[in-house]
């Protein structure tokens, strides 16, 4: 089976194995190169620089066909730009994952929302210093104990 990527207005690649697969196709095909947008996490950026997947970064042009890069944090954007040669014409945009950046929201609003039956807190990630779980723990401490016990779930990757 073959996919004609020209039929799509928007292709988002959200995991490094798919990114590498598309770059292999782009390198070894004579047809039109696949154009796509890329969503990156810090572990992917570092793995392609220093990990087992770094061999691909040496063999392929990682940014061939990339229209826009989305990172999940300023940290990821910074290490991407420090560790890989991202062409200047490719915008790198930070898109926070489920975190409100609205400075007008107050602790009082959060506490009122926490008492709602629909309110739950979920974190997904490794327990790593740079992930900010110290802030999660401090924030949970602001919730009443009965709310905290019912509302928080952590899933470890």
N, C-alpha and C. Protein backbone atom coordinates (compact mmCIF):
# COMPACT_ATOMS: atom_id res chain seq x y z
N UNK A 1 0.84 -1.18 0.00
CA UNK A 1 0.00 0.00 0.00
C UNK A 1 0.89 1.25 0.00
N UNK A 2 0.47 2.26 -0.70
CA UNK A 2 1.22 3.50 -0.79
C UNK A 2 0.31 4.68 -0.46
N UNK A 3 0.87 5.68 0.19
CA UNK A 3 0.11 6.88 0.53
C UNK A 3 0.59 8.02 -0.34
N UNK A 4 -0.34 8.71 -0.96
CA UNK A 4 0.00 9.89 -1.74
C UNK A 4 -0.12 11.11 -0.83
N UNK A 5 1.00 11.58 -0.32
CA UNK A 5 1.00 12.68 0.63
C UNK A 5 0.60 14.00 -0.02
N UNK A 6 0.64 14.07 -1.35
CA UNK A 6 0.24 15.30 -2.04
C UNK A 6 -1.25 15.57 -1.88
N UNK A 7 -2.03 14.55 -1.51
CA UNK A 7 -3.47 14.72 -1.34
C UNK A 7 -3.82 15.41 -0.04
N UNK A 8 -2.85 15.59 0.84
CA UNK A 8 -3.12 16.15 2.16
C UNK A 8 -2.57 17.56 2.27
N UNK A 9 -3.36 18.45 2.87
CA UNK A 9 -2.92 19.82 3.10
C UNK A 9 -1.97 19.92 4.28
N UNK A 10 -2.12 19.01 5.22
CA UNK A 10 -1.40 19.11 6.47
C UNK A 10 -1.02 17.73 6.95
N UNK A 11 0.25 17.47 7.11
CA UNK A 11 0.74 16.20 7.66
C UNK A 11 1.53 16.55 8.91
N UNK A 12 1.15 15.95 10.05
CA UNK A 12 1.86 16.18 11.30
C UNK A 12 2.55 14.89 11.71
N UNK A 13 3.86 14.96 11.88
CA UNK A 13 4.64 13.82 12.34
C UNK A 13 4.94 14.06 13.81
N UNK A 14 4.54 13.10 14.66
CA UNK A 14 4.61 13.34 16.10
C UNK A 14 5.46 12.34 16.86
N UNK A 15 6.31 11.61 16.19
CA UNK A 15 7.17 10.66 16.89
C UNK A 15 8.42 10.43 16.05
N UNK A 16 9.58 10.29 16.69
CA UNK A 16 10.83 10.24 15.93
C UNK A 16 10.92 9.07 14.95
N UNK A 17 10.39 7.88 15.21
CA UNK A 17 10.52 6.83 14.19
C UNK A 17 9.81 7.18 12.88
N UNK A 18 8.67 7.87 12.98
CA UNK A 18 7.96 8.28 11.77
C UNK A 18 8.71 9.39 11.05
N UNK A 19 9.31 10.28 11.84
CA UNK A 19 10.14 11.34 11.27
C UNK A 19 11.28 10.74 10.47
N UNK A 20 11.96 9.76 11.03
CA UNK A 20 13.08 9.11 10.34
C UNK A 20 12.57 8.35 9.10
N UNK A 21 11.44 7.68 9.23
CA UNK A 21 10.89 6.94 8.08
C UNK A 21 10.60 7.88 6.92
N UNK A 22 9.99 9.02 7.20
CA UNK A 22 9.70 9.98 6.12
C UNK A 22 10.99 10.52 5.53
N UNK A 23 12.00 10.77 6.35
CA UNK A 23 13.27 11.27 5.82
C UNK A 23 13.96 10.22 4.95
N UNK A 24 13.82 8.95 5.30
CA UNK A 24 14.37 7.88 4.46
C UNK A 24 13.68 7.86 3.10
N UNK A 25 12.36 7.98 3.13
CA UNK A 25 11.61 8.04 1.86
C UNK A 25 12.05 9.25 1.06
N UNK A 26 12.17 10.41 1.73
CA UNK A 26 12.59 11.62 1.03
C UNK A 26 13.99 11.49 0.43
N UNK A 27 14.87 10.79 1.11
CA UNK A 27 16.24 10.65 0.61
C UNK A 27 16.34 9.67 -0.56
N UNK A 28 15.58 8.59 -0.50
CA UNK A 28 15.78 7.51 -1.46
C UNK A 28 14.70 7.42 -2.53
N UNK A 29 13.89 8.45 -2.67
CA UNK A 29 12.86 8.41 -3.72
C UNK A 29 13.12 9.52 -4.73
N UNK A 30 12.69 9.28 -5.95
CA UNK A 30 12.84 10.29 -7.00
C UNK A 30 11.60 11.16 -7.14
N UNK A 31 10.50 10.73 -6.52
CA UNK A 31 9.25 11.50 -6.64
C UNK A 31 9.29 12.72 -5.72
N UNK A 32 8.18 13.45 -5.66
CA UNK A 32 8.10 14.63 -4.81
C UNK A 32 8.41 14.27 -3.36
N UNK A 33 9.12 15.14 -2.71
CA UNK A 33 9.44 14.94 -1.29
C UNK A 33 8.19 15.17 -0.45
N UNK A 34 8.07 14.42 0.62
CA UNK A 34 6.94 14.58 1.53
C UNK A 34 7.18 15.85 2.35
N UNK A 35 6.20 16.75 2.35
CA UNK A 35 6.25 17.97 3.16
C UNK A 35 5.42 17.71 4.41
N UNK A 36 5.94 18.11 5.58
CA UNK A 36 5.23 17.81 6.82
C UNK A 36 5.61 18.78 7.93
N UNK A 37 4.80 18.79 8.97
CA UNK A 37 5.07 19.53 10.20
C UNK A 37 5.51 18.52 11.24
N UNK A 38 6.29 18.98 12.19
CA UNK A 38 6.93 18.07 13.12
C UNK A 38 6.63 18.49 14.55
N UNK A 39 6.22 17.54 15.39
CA UNK A 39 5.99 17.78 16.81
C UNK A 39 7.09 17.07 17.58
N UNK A 40 7.87 17.81 18.38
CA UNK A 40 9.01 17.22 19.08
C UNK A 40 8.92 17.35 20.59
N UNK A 41 9.43 16.33 21.26
CA UNK A 41 9.63 16.32 22.70
C UNK A 41 11.13 16.32 22.96
N UNK A 42 11.53 16.73 24.14
CA UNK A 42 12.95 16.83 24.47
C UNK A 42 13.71 15.52 24.32
N UNK A 43 13.08 14.41 24.72
CA UNK A 43 13.78 13.12 24.64
C UNK A 43 14.10 12.76 23.19
N UNK A 44 13.23 13.14 22.26
CA UNK A 44 13.49 12.86 20.85
C UNK A 44 14.67 13.69 20.34
N UNK A 45 14.70 14.94 20.72
CA UNK A 45 15.78 15.83 20.30
C UNK A 45 17.12 15.29 20.80
N UNK A 46 17.17 14.89 22.06
CA UNK A 46 18.42 14.39 22.64
C UNK A 46 18.79 13.02 22.11
N UNK A 47 17.80 12.15 21.88
CA UNK A 47 18.07 10.82 21.34
C UNK A 47 18.67 10.91 19.93
N UNK A 48 18.18 11.84 19.13
CA UNK A 48 18.71 12.00 17.78
C UNK A 48 20.08 12.69 17.77
N UNK A 49 20.46 13.26 18.90
CA UNK A 49 21.79 13.86 18.99
C UNK A 49 22.80 12.89 19.62
N UNK A 50 22.41 12.25 20.73
CA UNK A 50 23.37 11.46 21.51
C UNK A 50 22.99 10.00 21.69
N UNK A 51 21.76 9.62 21.39
CA UNK A 51 21.30 8.27 21.67
C UNK A 51 21.52 7.31 20.52
N UNK A 52 20.86 6.16 20.63
CA UNK A 52 20.99 5.12 19.60
C UNK A 52 20.50 5.59 18.24
N UNK A 53 19.55 6.51 18.22
CA UNK A 53 19.01 7.00 16.95
C UNK A 53 19.90 8.04 16.29
N UNK A 54 21.00 8.44 16.94
CA UNK A 54 21.85 9.49 16.39
C UNK A 54 22.48 9.10 15.05
N UNK A 55 22.58 7.82 14.79
CA UNK A 55 23.11 7.37 13.49
C UNK A 55 22.27 7.91 12.34
N UNK A 56 20.96 8.02 12.55
CA UNK A 56 20.07 8.54 11.51
C UNK A 56 20.34 10.02 11.25
N UNK A 57 20.62 10.76 12.31
CA UNK A 57 20.89 12.19 12.17
C UNK A 57 22.15 12.42 11.34
N UNK A 58 23.08 11.48 11.40
CA UNK A 58 24.32 11.60 10.63
C UNK A 58 24.13 11.22 9.16
N UNK A 59 23.16 10.34 8.91
CA UNK A 59 22.95 9.83 7.55
C UNK A 59 21.91 10.62 6.75
N UNK A 60 21.00 11.28 7.44
CA UNK A 60 19.86 11.93 6.77
C UNK A 60 19.86 13.43 7.00
N UNK A 61 19.21 14.14 6.11
CA UNK A 61 18.92 15.55 6.34
C UNK A 61 17.61 15.57 7.13
N UNK A 62 17.69 15.72 8.45
CA UNK A 62 16.53 15.61 9.31
C UNK A 62 15.44 16.63 9.00
N UNK A 63 15.78 17.73 8.34
CA UNK A 63 14.81 18.80 8.16
C UNK A 63 14.34 18.96 6.72
N UNK A 64 14.66 17.99 5.87
CA UNK A 64 14.17 18.00 4.50
C UNK A 64 12.66 17.82 4.51
N UNK A 65 11.96 18.75 3.90
CA UNK A 65 10.50 18.65 3.82
C UNK A 65 9.75 19.19 5.02
N UNK A 66 10.46 19.58 6.08
CA UNK A 66 9.79 20.09 7.29
C UNK A 66 9.35 21.53 7.03
N UNK A 67 8.04 21.78 7.25
CA UNK A 67 7.50 23.13 7.07
C UNK A 67 7.53 23.92 8.37
N UNK A 68 7.12 23.29 9.46
CA UNK A 68 7.08 23.94 10.77
C UNK A 68 7.42 22.90 11.82
N UNK A 69 8.12 23.33 12.88
CA UNK A 69 8.42 22.45 14.00
C UNK A 69 7.69 22.99 15.22
N UNK A 70 6.97 22.10 15.91
CA UNK A 70 6.29 22.44 17.15
C UNK A 70 7.02 21.72 18.28
N UNK A 71 7.38 22.44 19.33
CA UNK A 71 7.98 21.81 20.49
C UNK A 71 7.03 21.97 21.67
N UNK A 72 7.14 21.07 22.64
CA UNK A 72 6.21 21.09 23.76
C UNK A 72 6.66 21.99 24.91
N UNK A 73 7.81 22.66 24.77
CA UNK A 73 8.28 23.57 25.82
C UNK A 73 9.39 24.44 25.26
N UNK A 74 9.69 25.51 25.98
CA UNK A 74 10.83 26.35 25.62
C UNK A 74 12.14 25.58 25.79
N UNK A 75 12.18 24.70 26.80
CA UNK A 75 13.36 23.86 27.01
C UNK A 75 13.64 23.03 25.76
N UNK A 76 12.61 22.37 25.23
CA UNK A 76 12.78 21.53 24.04
C UNK A 76 13.22 22.38 22.85
N UNK A 77 12.63 23.54 22.69
CA UNK A 77 13.03 24.43 21.60
C UNK A 77 14.51 24.79 21.73
N UNK A 78 14.91 25.12 22.95
CA UNK A 78 16.31 25.52 23.17
C UNK A 78 17.28 24.38 22.85
N UNK A 79 17.00 23.16 23.34
CA UNK A 79 17.94 22.07 23.07
C UNK A 79 17.90 21.65 21.61
N UNK A 80 16.75 21.83 20.95
CA UNK A 80 16.68 21.55 19.51
C UNK A 80 17.63 22.49 18.77
N UNK A 81 17.52 23.77 19.05
CA UNK A 81 18.34 24.75 18.34
C UNK A 81 19.82 24.64 18.71
N UNK A 82 20.12 24.21 19.93
CA UNK A 82 21.51 24.04 20.36
C UNK A 82 22.15 22.78 19.78
N UNK A 83 21.37 21.74 19.54
CA UNK A 83 21.92 20.44 19.19
C UNK A 83 21.75 20.03 17.73
N UNK A 84 20.91 20.73 17.00
CA UNK A 84 20.66 20.38 15.60
C UNK A 84 20.69 21.65 14.75
N UNK A 85 21.08 21.51 13.52
CA UNK A 85 21.16 22.64 12.60
C UNK A 85 19.81 22.82 11.90
N UNK A 86 18.90 23.49 12.60
CA UNK A 86 17.57 23.75 12.04
C UNK A 86 17.70 24.93 11.08
N UNK A 87 17.32 24.74 9.82
CA UNK A 87 17.39 25.86 8.87
C UNK A 87 16.57 27.05 9.37
N UNK A 88 17.09 28.26 9.17
CA UNK A 88 16.45 29.49 9.65
C UNK A 88 15.04 29.69 9.11
N UNK A 89 14.76 29.15 7.92
CA UNK A 89 13.44 29.36 7.31
C UNK A 89 12.34 28.46 7.90
N UNK A 90 12.73 27.52 8.77
CA UNK A 90 11.73 26.65 9.41
C UNK A 90 11.36 27.25 10.76
N UNK A 91 10.10 27.70 10.91
CA UNK A 91 9.71 28.24 12.21
C UNK A 91 9.64 27.14 13.28
N UNK A 92 10.07 27.49 14.49
CA UNK A 92 9.98 26.59 15.64
C UNK A 92 9.03 27.26 16.63
N UNK A 93 7.88 26.62 16.84
CA UNK A 93 6.81 27.20 17.65
C UNK A 93 6.59 26.34 18.89
N UNK A 94 6.55 26.99 20.06
CA UNK A 94 6.28 26.28 21.32
C UNK A 94 4.78 26.15 21.50
N UNK A 95 4.32 24.93 21.71
CA UNK A 95 2.89 24.67 21.98
C UNK A 95 2.83 23.87 23.27
N UNK A 96 2.43 24.53 24.34
CA UNK A 96 2.38 23.88 25.65
C UNK A 96 1.29 22.82 25.66
N UNK A 97 1.57 21.71 26.29
CA UNK A 97 0.65 20.58 26.31
C UNK A 97 -0.29 20.66 27.51
N UNK A 98 -1.47 21.18 27.30
CA UNK A 98 -2.49 21.18 28.34
C UNK A 98 -2.23 22.14 29.48
N UNK A 99 -1.37 23.12 29.29
CA UNK A 99 -1.06 24.07 30.34
C UNK A 99 -1.54 25.44 29.90
N UNK A 100 -2.34 26.07 30.73
CA UNK A 100 -2.81 27.41 30.42
C UNK A 100 -1.68 28.41 30.65
N UNK A 101 -1.47 29.26 29.69
CA UNK A 101 -0.47 30.31 29.83
C UNK A 101 -1.13 31.65 30.12
N UNK A 102 -2.42 31.63 30.45
CA UNK A 102 -3.18 32.83 30.73
C UNK A 102 -2.78 33.36 32.11
N UNK A 103 -2.19 34.54 32.16
CA UNK A 103 -1.72 35.11 33.42
C UNK A 103 -2.87 35.65 34.26
N UNK A 104 -4.07 35.75 33.69
CA UNK A 104 -5.20 36.30 34.42
C UNK A 104 -5.87 35.27 35.34
N UNK A 105 -5.55 34.01 35.16
CA UNK A 105 -6.16 32.97 35.98
C UNK A 105 -5.52 33.00 37.37
N UNK A 106 -6.34 33.00 38.41
CA UNK A 106 -5.83 33.11 39.77
C UNK A 106 -5.88 31.76 40.48
N UNK A 107 -5.17 31.65 41.59
CA UNK A 107 -5.24 30.44 42.41
C UNK A 107 -6.66 30.20 42.90
N UNK A 108 -7.37 31.29 43.19
CA UNK A 108 -8.75 31.18 43.66
C UNK A 108 -9.63 30.50 42.60
N UNK A 109 -9.43 30.87 41.34
CA UNK A 109 -10.18 30.24 40.25
C UNK A 109 -9.88 28.75 40.18
N UNK A 110 -8.58 28.41 40.28
CA UNK A 110 -8.20 26.99 40.25
C UNK A 110 -8.82 26.23 41.41
N UNK A 111 -8.78 26.81 42.61
CA UNK A 111 -9.34 26.13 43.78
C UNK A 111 -10.85 25.95 43.64
N UNK A 112 -11.53 26.96 43.10
CA UNK A 112 -12.98 26.81 42.87
C UNK A 112 -13.25 25.72 41.85
N UNK A 113 -12.46 25.68 40.79
CA UNK A 113 -12.65 24.64 39.78
C UNK A 113 -12.34 23.25 40.33
N UNK A 114 -11.41 23.16 41.26
CA UNK A 114 -11.03 21.86 41.82
C UNK A 114 -12.19 21.20 42.57
N UNK A 115 -13.12 21.99 43.06
CA UNK A 115 -14.28 21.44 43.76
C UNK A 115 -15.35 20.93 42.80
N UNK A 116 -15.19 21.18 41.53
CA UNK A 116 -16.15 20.71 40.53
C UNK A 116 -16.02 19.20 40.35
N UNK A 117 -17.12 18.53 40.08
CA UNK A 117 -17.09 17.08 39.86
C UNK A 117 -16.34 16.71 38.58
N UNK A 118 -16.28 17.61 37.61
CA UNK A 118 -15.61 17.32 36.34
C UNK A 118 -14.11 17.52 36.42
N UNK A 119 -13.63 18.13 37.47
CA UNK A 119 -12.21 18.49 37.56
C UNK A 119 -11.36 17.29 37.97
N UNK A 120 -10.31 17.02 37.19
CA UNK A 120 -9.31 16.01 37.52
C UNK A 120 -7.95 16.53 37.08
N UNK A 121 -6.92 16.06 37.72
CA UNK A 121 -5.55 16.41 37.35
C UNK A 121 -4.86 15.14 36.90
N UNK A 122 -4.25 15.19 35.72
CA UNK A 122 -3.51 14.05 35.20
C UNK A 122 -2.14 14.55 34.77
N UNK A 123 -1.10 13.86 35.19
CA UNK A 123 0.24 14.14 34.67
C UNK A 123 0.75 12.88 34.01
N UNK A 124 1.48 13.07 32.92
CA UNK A 124 2.06 11.95 32.18
C UNK A 124 3.51 12.30 31.93
N UNK A 125 4.42 11.47 32.36
CA UNK A 125 5.82 11.74 32.11
C UNK A 125 6.72 10.99 33.07
N UNK A 126 8.00 11.12 32.82
CA UNK A 126 9.00 10.53 33.71
C UNK A 126 9.17 11.42 34.92
N UNK A 127 9.49 10.80 36.05
CA UNK A 127 9.79 11.58 37.26
C UNK A 127 11.23 12.04 37.15
N UNK A 128 11.40 13.16 36.51
CA UNK A 128 12.70 13.72 36.17
C UNK A 128 12.70 15.17 36.63
N UNK A 129 13.81 15.66 37.18
CA UNK A 129 13.87 17.03 37.69
C UNK A 129 13.35 18.07 36.71
N UNK A 130 13.74 17.95 35.44
CA UNK A 130 13.37 18.98 34.47
C UNK A 130 11.90 18.95 34.08
N UNK A 131 11.16 17.92 34.51
CA UNK A 131 9.74 17.83 34.17
C UNK A 131 8.86 18.69 35.07
N UNK A 132 9.40 19.22 36.17
CA UNK A 132 8.66 20.15 37.00
C UNK A 132 7.69 19.54 37.98
N UNK A 133 7.90 18.29 38.36
CA UNK A 133 6.97 17.66 39.31
C UNK A 133 7.04 18.29 40.69
N UNK A 134 8.13 19.00 40.98
CA UNK A 134 8.17 19.73 42.25
C UNK A 134 7.07 20.78 42.30
N UNK A 135 6.77 21.40 41.14
CA UNK A 135 5.66 22.37 41.07
C UNK A 135 4.31 21.67 41.20
N UNK A 136 4.20 20.49 40.61
CA UNK A 136 2.95 19.72 40.73
C UNK A 136 2.69 19.40 42.20
N UNK A 137 3.73 18.94 42.89
CA UNK A 137 3.58 18.57 44.30
C UNK A 137 3.20 19.80 45.13
N UNK A 138 3.87 20.92 44.90
CA UNK A 138 3.53 22.15 45.62
C UNK A 138 2.09 22.59 45.31
N UNK A 139 1.68 22.48 44.07
CA UNK A 139 0.32 22.87 43.68
C UNK A 139 -0.72 21.96 44.31
N UNK A 140 -0.43 20.67 44.34
CA UNK A 140 -1.36 19.74 44.98
C UNK A 140 -1.51 20.04 46.46
N UNK A 141 -0.46 20.55 47.07
CA UNK A 141 -0.51 20.91 48.48
C UNK A 141 -1.49 22.05 48.76
N UNK A 142 -1.84 22.82 47.74
CA UNK A 142 -2.80 23.91 47.90
C UNK A 142 -4.25 23.40 47.92
N UNK A 143 -4.44 22.18 47.44
CA UNK A 143 -5.79 21.62 47.40
C UNK A 143 -6.17 21.01 48.74
N UNK A 144 -7.45 21.07 49.11
CA UNK A 144 -7.88 20.38 50.33
C UNK A 144 -7.57 18.88 50.22
N UNK A 145 -7.20 18.21 51.31
CA UNK A 145 -6.80 16.80 51.26
C UNK A 145 -7.83 15.87 50.60
N UNK A 146 -9.12 16.09 50.86
CA UNK A 146 -10.13 15.21 50.25
C UNK A 146 -10.19 15.39 48.74
N UNK A 147 -9.98 16.60 48.25
CA UNK A 147 -9.96 16.85 46.80
C UNK A 147 -8.70 16.24 46.20
N UNK A 148 -7.57 16.46 46.85
CA UNK A 148 -6.29 15.96 46.34
C UNK A 148 -6.32 14.45 46.15
N UNK A 149 -6.89 13.72 47.07
CA UNK A 149 -6.93 12.25 46.99
C UNK A 149 -7.82 11.76 45.86
N UNK A 150 -8.90 12.48 45.57
CA UNK A 150 -9.86 12.05 44.54
C UNK A 150 -9.47 12.50 43.14
N UNK A 151 -8.69 13.55 43.01
CA UNK A 151 -8.56 14.23 41.74
C UNK A 151 -7.26 14.03 40.99
N UNK A 152 -6.22 13.47 41.62
CA UNK A 152 -4.91 13.41 40.98
C UNK A 152 -4.54 12.00 40.58
N UNK A 153 -4.03 11.87 39.35
CA UNK A 153 -3.55 10.59 38.83
C UNK A 153 -2.27 10.87 38.06
N UNK A 154 -1.24 10.10 38.30
CA UNK A 154 0.01 10.22 37.54
C UNK A 154 0.23 8.93 36.77
N UNK A 155 0.52 9.07 35.49
CA UNK A 155 0.86 7.91 34.66
C UNK A 155 2.32 8.05 34.26
N UNK A 156 3.10 7.05 34.60
CA UNK A 156 4.53 7.06 34.29
C UNK A 156 4.75 6.47 32.92
N UNK A 157 5.56 7.16 32.12
CA UNK A 157 5.90 6.66 30.77
C UNK A 157 7.11 5.77 30.85
